[in-house]
């Protein structure tokens, strides 16, 4: 009986060492899901405490200095990416003219 257990143990160990590695489960991704988010189509303007309002504002390296300048530059559908920091501004107005 002891020899039989040793043989089964050896076979088990050999099957682990020389067998196929376990595979990860596969997950199917539906391309017709109704949960897809539409790609953003507007312009993105960047604001930073180290920027300048004379920059283009179209990249983090050419960011605007003030949120107000970003608001007056942007159009409907655009976005502002505001870097963390302290901005002391007054008179900021965001209007929603859509029906």
PDB file of N, CA and C in Angstrom:
ATOM      1  N   UNK A   1       0.823  -1.193   0.000  1.00  0.00           N
ATOM      2  CA  UNK A   1       0.000   0.000   0.000  1.00  0.00           C
ATOM      3  C   UNK A   1       0.868   1.259   0.000  1.00  0.00           C
ATOM      4  N   UNK A   2       1.969   1.218   0.773  1.00  0.00           N
ATOM      5  CA  UNK A   2       2.865   2.355   0.846  1.00  0.00           C
ATOM      6  C   UNK A   2       3.496   2.637  -0.515  1.00  0.00           C
ATOM      7  N   UNK A   3       3.861   1.564  -1.263  1.00  0.00           N
ATOM      8  CA  UNK A   3       4.453   1.737  -2.589  1.00  0.00           C
ATOM      9  C   UNK A   3       3.436   2.349  -3.548  1.00  0.00           C
ATOM     10  N   UNK A   4       2.174   1.970  -3.419  1.00  0.00           N
ATOM     11  CA  UNK A   4       1.121   2.484  -4.278  1.00  0.00           C
ATOM     12  C   UNK A   4       0.926   3.991  -4.053  1.00  0.00           C
ATOM     13  N   UNK A   5       0.973   4.422  -2.808  1.00  0.00           N
ATOM     14  CA  UNK A   5       0.852   5.843  -2.490  1.00  0.00           C
ATOM     15  C   UNK A   5       2.037   6.636  -3.060  1.00  0.00           C
ATOM     16  N   UNK A   6       3.221   6.056  -2.987  1.00  0.00           N
ATOM     17  CA  UNK A   6       4.402   6.733  -3.522  1.00  0.00           C
ATOM     18  C   UNK A   6       4.284   6.876  -5.030  1.00  0.00           C
ATOM     19  N   UNK A   7       3.785   5.879  -5.708  1.00  0.00           N
ATOM     20  CA  UNK A   7       3.612   5.923  -7.159  1.00  0.00           C
ATOM     21  C   UNK A   7       2.589   6.999  -7.528  1.00  0.00           C
ATOM     22  N   UNK A   8       1.452   7.031  -6.833  1.00  0.00           N
ATOM     23  CA  UNK A   8       0.432   8.047  -7.116  1.00  0.00           C
ATOM     24  C   UNK A   8       0.955   9.457  -6.836  1.00  0.00           C
ATOM     25  N   UNK A   9       1.708   9.617  -5.766  1.00  0.00           N
ATOM     26  CA  UNK A   9       2.286  10.913  -5.440  1.00  0.00           C
ATOM     27  C   UNK A   9       3.276  11.333  -6.514  1.00  0.00           C
ATOM     28  N   UNK A  10       4.116  10.406  -6.952  1.00  0.00           N
ATOM     29  CA  UNK A  10       5.099  10.712  -7.998  1.00  0.00           C
ATOM     30  C   UNK A  10       4.390  11.086  -9.297  1.00  0.00           C
ATOM     31  N   UNK A  11       3.321  10.380  -9.647  1.00  0.00           N
ATOM     32  CA  UNK A  11       2.570  10.705 -10.866  1.00  0.00           C
ATOM     33  C   UNK A  11       1.918  12.090 -10.753  1.00  0.00           C
ATOM     34  N   UNK A  12       1.392  12.384  -9.575  1.00  0.00           N
ATOM     35  CA  UNK A  12       0.761  13.683  -9.359  1.00  0.00           C
ATOM     36  C   UNK A  12       1.779  14.821  -9.498  1.00  0.00           C
ATOM     37  N   UNK A  13       2.935  14.666  -8.875  1.00  0.00           N
ATOM     38  CA  UNK A  13       3.980  15.678  -8.942  1.00  0.00           C
ATOM     39  C   UNK A  13       4.483  15.825 -10.379  1.00  0.00           C
ATOM     40  N   UNK A  14       4.655  14.725 -11.079  1.00  0.00           N
ATOM     41  CA  UNK A  14       5.116  14.769 -12.468  1.00  0.00           C
ATOM     42  C   UNK A  14       4.091  15.475 -13.354  1.00  0.00           C
ATOM     43  N   UNK A  15       2.811  15.243 -13.098  1.00  0.00           N
ATOM     44  CA  UNK A  15       1.787  15.894 -13.917  1.00  0.00           C
ATOM     45  C   UNK A  15       1.773  17.396 -13.682  1.00  0.00           C
ATOM     46  N   UNK A  16       2.101  17.828 -12.459  1.00  0.00           N
ATOM     47  CA  UNK A  16       2.163  19.261 -12.174  1.00  0.00           C
ATOM     48  C   UNK A  16       3.404  19.879 -12.813  1.00  0.00           C
ATOM     49  N   UNK A  17       4.544  19.201 -12.681  1.00  0.00           N
ATOM     50  CA  UNK A  17       5.803  19.762 -13.198  1.00  0.00           C
ATOM     51  C   UNK A  17       5.882  19.763 -14.711  1.00  0.00           C
ATOM     52  N   UNK A  18       5.345  18.753 -15.352  1.00  0.00           N
ATOM     53  CA  UNK A  18       5.517  18.614 -16.794  1.00  0.00           C
ATOM     54  C   UNK A  18       4.225  18.823 -17.571  1.00  0.00           C
ATOM     55  N   UNK A  19       3.151  19.036 -16.879  1.00  0.00           N
ATOM     56  CA  UNK A  19       1.871  19.248 -17.552  1.00  0.00           C
ATOM     57  C   UNK A  19       1.726  20.680 -18.007  1.00  0.00           C
ATOM     58  N   UNK A  20       0.588  20.983 -18.581  1.00  0.00           N
ATOM     59  CA  UNK A  20       0.314  22.344 -19.028  1.00  0.00           C
ATOM     60  C   UNK A  20       0.025  23.231 -17.831  1.00  0.00           C
ATOM     61  N   UNK A  21       0.481  24.433 -17.939  1.00  0.00           N
ATOM     62  CA  UNK A  21       0.189  25.403 -16.887  1.00  0.00           C
ATOM     63  C   UNK A  21      -1.291  25.754 -16.934  1.00  0.00           C
ATOM     64  N   UNK A  22      -1.876  26.014 -15.797  1.00  0.00           N
ATOM     65  CA  UNK A  22      -3.295  26.390 -15.811  1.00  0.00           C
ATOM     66  C   UNK A  22      -3.489  27.694 -16.574  1.00  0.00           C
ATOM     67  N   UNK A  23      -4.584  27.789 -17.268  1.00  0.00           N
ATOM     68  CA  UNK A  23      -4.860  28.988 -18.059  1.00  0.00           C
ATOM     69  C   UNK A  23      -5.840  29.885 -17.326  1.00  0.00           C
ATOM     70  N   UNK A  24      -5.776  31.174 -17.661  1.00  0.00           N
ATOM     71  CA  UNK A  24      -6.703  32.128 -17.079  1.00  0.00           C
ATOM     72  C   UNK A  24      -8.045  31.996 -17.796  1.00  0.00           C
ATOM     73  N   UNK A  25      -9.132  32.237 -17.082  1.00  0.00           N
ATOM     74  CA  UNK A  25     -10.437  32.184 -17.753  1.00  0.00           C
ATOM     75  C   UNK A  25     -10.544  33.306 -18.777  1.00  0.00           C
ATOM     76  N   UNK A  26     -11.249  33.036 -19.839  1.00  0.00           N
ATOM     77  CA  UNK A  26     -11.424  34.037 -20.875  1.00  0.00           C
ATOM     78  C   UNK A  26     -12.767  34.722 -20.681  1.00  0.00           C
ATOM     79  N   UNK A  27     -12.785  36.010 -20.906  1.00  0.00           N
ATOM     80  CA  UNK A  27     -14.006  36.777 -20.784  1.00  0.00           C
ATOM     81  C   UNK A  27     -14.340  37.363 -22.140  1.00  0.00           C
ATOM     82  N   UNK A  28     -15.573  37.236 -22.530  1.00  0.00           N
ATOM     83  CA  UNK A  28     -16.001  37.789 -23.811  1.00  0.00           C
ATOM     84  C   UNK A  28     -16.389  39.251 -23.611  1.00  0.00           C
ATOM     85  N   UNK A  29     -15.972  40.104 -24.527  1.00  0.00           N
ATOM     86  CA  UNK A  29     -16.317  41.512 -24.480  1.00  0.00           C
ATOM     87  C   UNK A  29     -17.253  41.792 -25.642  1.00  0.00           C
ATOM     88  N   UNK A  30     -18.401  42.295 -25.329  1.00  0.00           N
ATOM     89  CA  UNK A  30     -19.386  42.580 -26.355  1.00  0.00           C
ATOM     90  C   UNK A  30     -19.076  43.910 -27.025  1.00  0.00           C
ATOM     91  N   UNK A  31     -19.099  43.920 -28.341  1.00  0.00           N
ATOM     92  CA  UNK A  31     -18.878  45.176 -29.067  1.00  0.00           C
ATOM     93  C   UNK A  31     -20.207  45.862 -29.354  1.00  0.00           C
ATOM     94  N   UNK A  32     -21.310  45.244 -28.971  1.00  0.00           N
ATOM     95  CA  UNK A  32     -22.617  45.846 -29.208  1.00  0.00           C
ATOM     96  C   UNK A  32     -23.255  46.312 -27.915  1.00  0.00           C
ATOM     97  N   UNK A  33     -22.441  46.492 -26.883  1.00  0.00           N
ATOM     98  CA  UNK A  33     -22.959  46.909 -25.584  1.00  0.00           C
ATOM     99  C   UNK A  33     -23.555  48.303 -25.660  1.00  0.00           C
ATOM    100  N   UNK A  34     -24.629  48.518 -24.912  1.00  0.00           N
ATOM    101  CA  UNK A  34     -25.243  49.839 -24.877  1.00  0.00           C
ATOM    102  C   UNK A  34     -24.593  50.730 -23.827  1.00  0.00           C
ATOM    103  N   UNK A  35     -23.514  50.251 -23.190  1.00  0.00           N
ATOM    104  CA  UNK A  35     -22.838  51.014 -22.156  1.00  0.00           C
ATOM    105  C   UNK A  35     -21.590  51.716 -22.670  1.00  0.00           C
ATOM    106  N   UNK A  36     -21.385  51.754 -23.967  1.00  0.00           N
ATOM    107  CA  UNK A  36     -20.219  52.441 -24.517  1.00  0.00           C
ATOM    108  C   UNK A  36     -20.372  53.943 -24.337  1.00  0.00           C
ATOM    109  N   UNK A  37     -19.278  54.595 -24.010  1.00  0.00           N
ATOM    110  CA  UNK A  37     -19.291  56.035 -23.850  1.00  0.00           C
ATOM    111  C   UNK A  37     -18.785  56.658 -25.143  1.00  0.00           C
ATOM    112  N   UNK A  38     -19.537  57.598 -25.635  1.00  0.00           N
ATOM    113  CA  UNK A  38     -19.165  58.246 -26.878  1.00  0.00           C
ATOM    114  C   UNK A  38     -17.868  59.020 -26.702  1.00  0.00           C
ATOM    115  N   UNK A  39     -17.011  58.987 -27.716  1.00  0.00           N
ATOM    116  CA  UNK A  39     -15.729  59.684 -27.660  1.00  0.00           C
ATOM    117  C   UNK A  39     -15.958  61.192 -27.599  1.00  0.00           C
ATOM    118  N   UNK A  40     -15.170  61.837 -26.735  1.00  0.00           N
ATOM    119  CA  UNK A  40     -15.271  63.292 -26.578  1.00  0.00           C
ATOM    120  C   UNK A  40     -14.802  63.964 -27.855  1.00  0.00           C
ATOM    121  N   UNK A  41     -15.575  64.918 -28.351  1.00  0.00           N
ATOM    122  CA  UNK A  41     -15.242  65.548 -29.623  1.00  0.00           C
ATOM    123  C   UNK A  41     -14.835  67.003 -29.536  1.00  0.00           C
ATOM    124  N   UNK A  42     -14.893  67.587 -28.354  1.00  0.00           N
ATOM    125  CA  UNK A  42     -14.549  68.998 -28.216  1.00  0.00           C
ATOM    126  C   UNK A  42     -13.064  69.217 -27.999  1.00  0.00           C
ATOM    127  N   UNK A  43     -12.692  70.499 -27.905  1.00  0.00           N
ATOM    128  CA  UNK A  43     -11.310  70.860 -27.596  1.00  0.00           C
ATOM    129  C   UNK A  43     -11.103  70.811 -26.084  1.00  0.00           C
ATOM    130  N   UNK A  44      -9.891  70.529 -25.656  1.00  0.00           N
ATOM    131  CA  UNK A  44      -9.542  70.526 -24.238  1.00  0.00           C
ATOM    132  C   UNK A  44      -8.539  71.643 -24.008  1.00  0.00           C
ATOM    133  N   UNK A  45      -8.857  72.533 -23.076  1.00  0.00           N
ATOM    134  CA  UNK A  45      -7.955  73.614 -22.699  1.00  0.00           C
ATOM    135  C   UNK A  45      -7.412  73.339 -21.302  1.00  0.00           C
ATOM    136  N   UNK A  46      -6.155  73.660 -21.089  1.00  0.00           N
ATOM    137  CA  UNK A  46      -5.465  73.359 -19.835  1.00  0.00           C
ATOM    138  C   UNK A  46      -5.224  74.641 -19.048  1.00  0.00           C
ATOM    139  N   UNK A  47      -5.412  74.545 -17.723  1.00  0.00           N
ATOM    140  CA  UNK A  47      -5.195  75.656 -16.811  1.00  0.00           C
ATOM    141  C   UNK A  47      -4.180  75.198 -15.776  1.00  0.00           C
ATOM    142  N   UNK A  48      -3.206  76.049 -15.456  1.00  0.00           N
ATOM    143  CA  UNK A  48      -2.185  75.716 -14.469  1.00  0.00           C
ATOM    144  C   UNK A  48      -1.732  76.980 -13.748  1.00  0.00           C
ATOM    145  N   UNK A  49      -1.352  76.848 -12.489  1.00  0.00           N
ATOM    146  CA  UNK A  49      -0.863  78.005 -11.727  1.00  0.00           C
ATOM    147  C   UNK A  49       0.488  78.487 -12.249  1.00  0.00           C
ATOM    148  N   UNK A  50       1.123  77.718 -13.107  1.00  0.00           N
ATOM    149  CA  UNK A  50       2.396  78.131 -13.703  1.00  0.00           C
ATOM    150  C   UNK A  50       2.242  78.507 -15.176  1.00  0.00           C
ATOM    151  N   UNK A  51       0.993  78.560 -15.663  1.00  0.00           N
ATOM    152  CA  UNK A  51       0.746  78.872 -17.067  1.00  0.00           C
ATOM    153  C   UNK A  51       0.774  80.363 -17.352  1.00  0.00           C
ATOM    154  N   UNK A  52       0.355  80.695 -18.557  1.00  0.00           N
ATOM    155  CA  UNK A  52       0.281  82.093 -18.980  1.00  0.00           C
ATOM    156  C   UNK A  52      -0.928  82.253 -19.893  1.00  0.00           C
ATOM    157  N   UNK A  53      -1.689  83.336 -19.696  1.00  0.00           N
ATOM    158  CA  UNK A  53      -2.856  83.552 -20.549  1.00  0.00           C
ATOM    159  C   UNK A  53      -2.482  83.915 -21.982  1.00  0.00           C
ATOM    160  N   UNK A  54      -1.212  84.139 -22.243  1.00  0.00           N
ATOM    161  CA  UNK A  54      -0.775  84.390 -23.623  1.00  0.00           C
ATOM    162  C   UNK A  54      -0.401  83.083 -24.324  1.00  0.00           C
ATOM    163  N   UNK A  55      -0.384  81.962 -23.587  1.00  0.00           N
ATOM    164  CA  UNK A  55      -0.128  80.649 -24.204  1.00  0.00           C
ATOM    165  C   UNK A  55      -1.368  80.164 -24.936  1.00  0.00           C
ATOM    166  N   UNK A  56      -1.214  79.113 -25.703  1.00  0.00           N
ATOM    167  CA  UNK A  56      -2.329  78.564 -26.486  1.00  0.00           C
ATOM    168  C   UNK A  56      -3.348  77.831 -25.621  1.00  0.00           C
ATOM    169  N   UNK A  57      -2.904  77.277 -24.470  1.00  0.00           N
ATOM    170  CA  UNK A  57      -3.827  76.559 -23.589  1.00  0.00           C
ATOM    171  C   UNK A  57      -4.212  75.178 -24.071  1.00  0.00           C
ATOM    172  N   UNK A  58      -3.592  74.701 -25.143  1.00  0.00           N
ATOM    173  CA  UNK A  58      -4.006  73.427 -25.751  1.00  0.00           C
ATOM    174  C   UNK A  58      -3.182  72.222 -25.295  1.00  0.00           C
ATOM    175  N   UNK A  59      -2.248  72.441 -24.367  1.00  0.00           N
ATOM    176  CA  UNK A  59      -1.473  71.330 -23.819  1.00  0.00           C
ATOM    177  C   UNK A  59      -1.046  71.702 -22.404  1.00  0.00           C
ATOM    178  N   UNK A  60      -0.688  70.720 -21.594  1.00  0.00           N
ATOM    179  CA  UNK A  60      -0.233  71.036 -20.239  1.00  0.00           C
ATOM    180  C   UNK A  60       1.000  71.941 -20.226  1.00  0.00           C
ATOM    181  N   UNK A  61       1.848  71.831 -21.237  1.00  0.00           N
ATOM    182  CA  UNK A  61       3.053  72.670 -21.306  1.00  0.00           C
ATOM    183  C   UNK A  61       2.751  74.101 -21.755  1.00  0.00           C
ATOM    184  N   UNK A  62       1.591  74.322 -22.353  1.00  0.00           N
ATOM    185  CA  UNK A  62       1.201  75.659 -22.816  1.00  0.00           C
ATOM    186  C   UNK A  62      -0.131  76.052 -22.185  1.00  0.00           C
ATOM    187  N   UNK A  63      -0.251  75.800 -20.882  1.00  0.00           N
ATOM    188  CA  UNK A  63      -1.511  76.019 -20.175  1.00  0.00           C
ATOM    189  C   UNK A  63      -1.791  77.494 -19.939  1.00  0.00           C
ATOM    190  N   UNK A  64      -3.101  77.821 -19.808  1.00  0.00           N
ATOM    191  CA  UNK A  64      -3.506  79.155 -19.393  1.00  0.00           C
ATOM    192  C   UNK A  64      -3.215  79.315 -17.902  1.00  0.00           C
ATOM    193  N   UNK A  65      -3.125  80.561 -17.464  1.00  0.00           N
ATOM    194  CA  UNK A  65      -2.904  80.851 -16.050  1.00  0.00           C
ATOM    195  C   UNK A  65      -4.222  80.946 -15.273  1.00  0.00           C
ATOM    196  N   UNK A  66      -5.257  81.468 -15.924  1.00  0.00           N
ATOM    197  CA  UNK A  66      -6.507  81.717 -15.199  1.00  0.00           C
ATOM    198  C   UNK A  66      -7.674  80.902 -15.755  1.00  0.00           C
ATOM    199  N   UNK A  67      -8.560  80.549 -14.850  1.00  0.00           N
ATOM    200  CA  UNK A  67      -9.779  79.830 -15.237  1.00  0.00           C
ATOM    201  C   UNK A  67     -10.659  80.748 -16.088  1.00  0.00           C
ATOM    202  N   UNK A  68     -10.695  82.029 -15.740  1.00  0.00           N
ATOM    203  CA  UNK A  68     -11.502  82.987 -16.493  1.00  0.00           C
ATOM    204  C   UNK A  68     -11.102  83.055 -17.954  1.00  0.00           C
ATOM    205  N   UNK A  69      -9.807  83.035 -18.225  1.00  0.00           N
ATOM    206  CA  UNK A  69      -9.346  83.065 -19.620  1.00  0.00           C
ATOM    207  C   UNK A  69      -9.751  81.774 -20.337  1.00  0.00           C
ATOM    208  N   UNK A  70      -9.681  80.665 -19.635  1.00  0.00           N
ATOM    209  CA  UNK A  70     -10.125  79.396 -20.221  1.00  0.00           C
ATOM    210  C   UNK A  70     -11.605  79.425 -20.553  1.00  0.00           C
ATOM    211  N   UNK A  71     -12.414  80.005 -19.657  1.00  0.00           N
ATOM    212  CA  UNK A  71     -13.860  80.086 -19.893  1.00  0.00           C
ATOM    213  C   UNK A  71     -14.200  80.973 -21.080  1.00  0.00           C
ATOM    214  N   UNK A  72     -13.471  82.078 -21.233  1.00  0.00           N
ATOM    215  CA  UNK A  72     -13.765  82.978 -22.362  1.00  0.00           C
ATOM    216  C   UNK A  72     -13.233  82.432 -23.684  1.00  0.00           C
ATOM    217  N   UNK A  73     -12.258  81.542 -23.618  1.00  0.00           N
ATOM    218  CA  UNK A  73     -11.687  80.961 -24.838  1.00  0.00           C
ATOM    219  C   UNK A  73     -12.517  79.788 -25.346  1.00  0.00           C
ATOM    220  N   UNK A  74     -13.058  79.007 -24.458  1.00  0.00           N
ATOM    221  CA  UNK A  74     -13.745  77.782 -24.857  1.00  0.00           C
ATOM    222  C   UNK A  74     -15.093  78.060 -25.509  1.00  0.00           C
ATOM    223  N   UNK A  75     -15.573  77.059 -26.261  1.00  0.00           N
ATOM    224  CA  UNK A  75     -16.879  77.101 -26.914  1.00  0.00           C
ATOM    225  C   UNK A  75     -17.732  75.967 -26.366  1.00  0.00           C
ATOM    226  N   UNK A  76     -18.998  75.926 -26.784  1.00  0.00           N
ATOM    227  CA  UNK A  76     -19.882  74.830 -26.378  1.00  0.00           C
ATOM    228  C   UNK A  76     -19.249  73.492 -26.741  1.00  0.00           C
ATOM    229  N   UNK A  77     -19.238  72.568 -25.798  1.00  0.00           N
ATOM    230  CA  UNK A  77     -18.700  71.236 -26.050  1.00  0.00           C
ATOM    231  C   UNK A  77     -17.232  71.084 -25.720  1.00  0.00           C
ATOM    232  N   UNK A  78     -16.553  72.177 -25.398  1.00  0.00           N
ATOM    233  CA  UNK A  78     -15.142  72.106 -25.012  1.00  0.00           C
ATOM    234  C   UNK A  78     -15.023  71.785 -23.521  1.00  0.00           C
ATOM    235  N   UNK A  79     -13.804  71.479 -23.077  1.00  0.00           N
ATOM    236  CA  UNK A  79     -13.571  71.130 -21.681  1.00  0.00           C
ATOM    237  C   UNK A  79     -12.342  71.855 -21.154  1.00  0.00           C
ATOM    238  N   UNK A  80     -12.351  72.084 -19.832  1.00  0.00           N
ATOM    239  CA  UNK A  80     -11.188  72.648 -19.153  1.00  0.00           C
ATOM    240  C   UNK A  80     -10.579  71.577 -18.273  1.00  0.00           C
ATOM    241  N   UNK A  81      -9.273  71.421 -18.360  1.00  0.00           N
ATOM    242  CA  UNK A  81      -8.532  70.515 -17.485  1.00  0.00           C
ATOM    243  C   UNK A  81      -7.749  71.416 -16.542  1.00  0.00           C
ATOM    244  N   UNK A  82      -8.206  71.503 -15.292  1.00  0.00           N
ATOM    245  CA  UNK A  82      -7.626  72.444 -14.333  1.00  0.00           C
ATOM    246  C   UNK A  82      -6.711  71.696 -13.383  1.00  0.00           C
ATOM    247  N   UNK A  83      -5.428  72.043 -13.435  1.00  0.00           N
ATOM    248  CA  UNK A  83      -4.439  71.415 -12.559  1.00  0.00           C
ATOM    249  C   UNK A  83      -4.685  71.865 -11.119  1.00  0.00           C
ATOM    250  N   UNK A  84      -4.446  70.980 -10.179  1.00  0.00           N
ATOM    251  CA  UNK A  84      -4.650  71.297  -8.771  1.00  0.00           C
ATOM    252  C   UNK A  84      -3.819  72.502  -8.370  1.00  0.00           C
ATOM    253  N   UNK A  85      -4.399  73.355  -7.579  1.00  0.00           N
ATOM    254  CA  UNK A  85      -3.704  74.549  -7.125  1.00  0.00           C
ATOM    255  C   UNK A  85      -4.695  75.550  -6.577  1.00  0.00           C
ATOM    256  N   UNK A  86      -4.222  76.707  -6.207  1.00  0.00           N
ATOM    257  CA  UNK A  86      -5.080  77.765  -5.688  1.00  0.00           C
ATOM    258  C   UNK A  86      -5.261  78.826  -6.758  1.00  0.00           C
ATOM    259  N   UNK A  87      -6.505  79.071  -7.126  1.00  0.00           N
ATOM    260  CA  UNK A  87      -6.847  80.081  -8.127  1.00  0.00           C
ATOM    261  C   UNK A  87      -7.769  81.086  -7.444  1.00  0.00           C
ATOM    262  N   UNK A  88      -7.361  82.335  -7.359  1.00  0.00           N
ATOM    263  CA  UNK A  88      -8.167  83.379  -6.734  1.00  0.00           C
ATOM    264  C   UNK A  88      -8.697  84.273  -7.838  1.00  0.00           C
ATOM    265  N   UNK A  89      -9.950  84.046  -8.210  1.00  0.00           N
ATOM    266  CA  UNK A  89     -10.558  84.796  -9.306  1.00  0.00           C
ATOM    267  C   UNK A  89     -11.979  85.182  -8.912  1.00  0.00           C
ATOM    268  N   UNK A  90     -12.438  86.265  -9.461  1.00  0.00           N
ATOM    269  CA  UNK A  90     -13.813  86.698  -9.211  1.00  0.00           C
ATOM    270  C   UNK A  90     -14.505  86.907 -10.548  1.00  0.00           C
ATOM    271  N   UNK A  91     -15.822  86.910 -10.504  1.00  0.00           N
ATOM    272  CA  UNK A  91     -16.606  87.199 -11.700  1.00  0.00           C
ATOM    273  C   UNK A  91     -16.630  86.092 -12.734  1.00  0.00           C
ATOM    274  N   UNK A  92     -16.403  84.858 -12.324  1.00  0.00           N
ATOM    275  CA  UNK A  92     -16.451  83.741 -13.274  1.00  0.00           C
ATOM    276  C   UNK A  92     -17.904  83.394 -13.567  1.00  0.00           C
ATOM    277  N   UNK A  93     -18.256  83.343 -14.849  1.00  0.00           N
ATOM    278  CA  UNK A  93     -19.617  83.026 -15.242  1.00  0.00           C
ATOM    279  C   UNK A  93     -19.599  81.888 -16.238  1.00  0.00           C
ATOM    280  N   UNK A  94     -20.357  80.863 -15.906  1.00  0.00           N
ATOM    281  CA  UNK A  94     -20.545  79.747 -16.838  1.00  0.00           C
ATOM    282  C   UNK A  94     -22.027  79.750 -17.195  1.00  0.00           C
ATOM    283  N   UNK A  95     -22.343  79.990 -18.453  1.00  0.00           N
ATOM    284  CA  UNK A  95     -23.729  80.085 -18.889  1.00  0.00           C
ATOM    285  C   UNK A  95     -24.101  78.843 -19.692  1.00  0.00           C
ATOM    286  N   UNK A  96     -25.322  78.392 -19.504  1.00  0.00           N
ATOM    287  CA  UNK A  96     -25.848  77.268 -20.272  1.00  0.00           C
ATOM    288  C   UNK A  96     -26.975  77.803 -21.127  1.00  0.00           C
ATOM    289  N   UNK A  97     -26.701  78.018 -22.395  1.00  0.00           N
ATOM    290  CA  UNK A  97     -27.690  78.586 -23.300  1.00  0.00           C
ATOM    291  C   UNK A  97     -28.440  77.536 -24.099  1.00  0.00           C
ATOM    292  N   UNK A  98     -28.209  76.260 -23.823  1.00  0.00           N
ATOM    293  CA  UNK A  98     -28.872  75.225 -24.605  1.00  0.00           C
ATOM    294  C   UNK A  98     -30.328  75.096 -24.177  1.00  0.00           C
ATOM    295  N   UNK A  99     -31.169  74.700 -25.114  1.00  0.00           N
ATOM    296  CA  UNK A  99     -32.615  74.580 -24.842  1.00  0.00           C
ATOM    297  C   UNK A  99     -32.948  73.282 -24.158  1.00  0.00           C
TER     298      UNK A  99
END
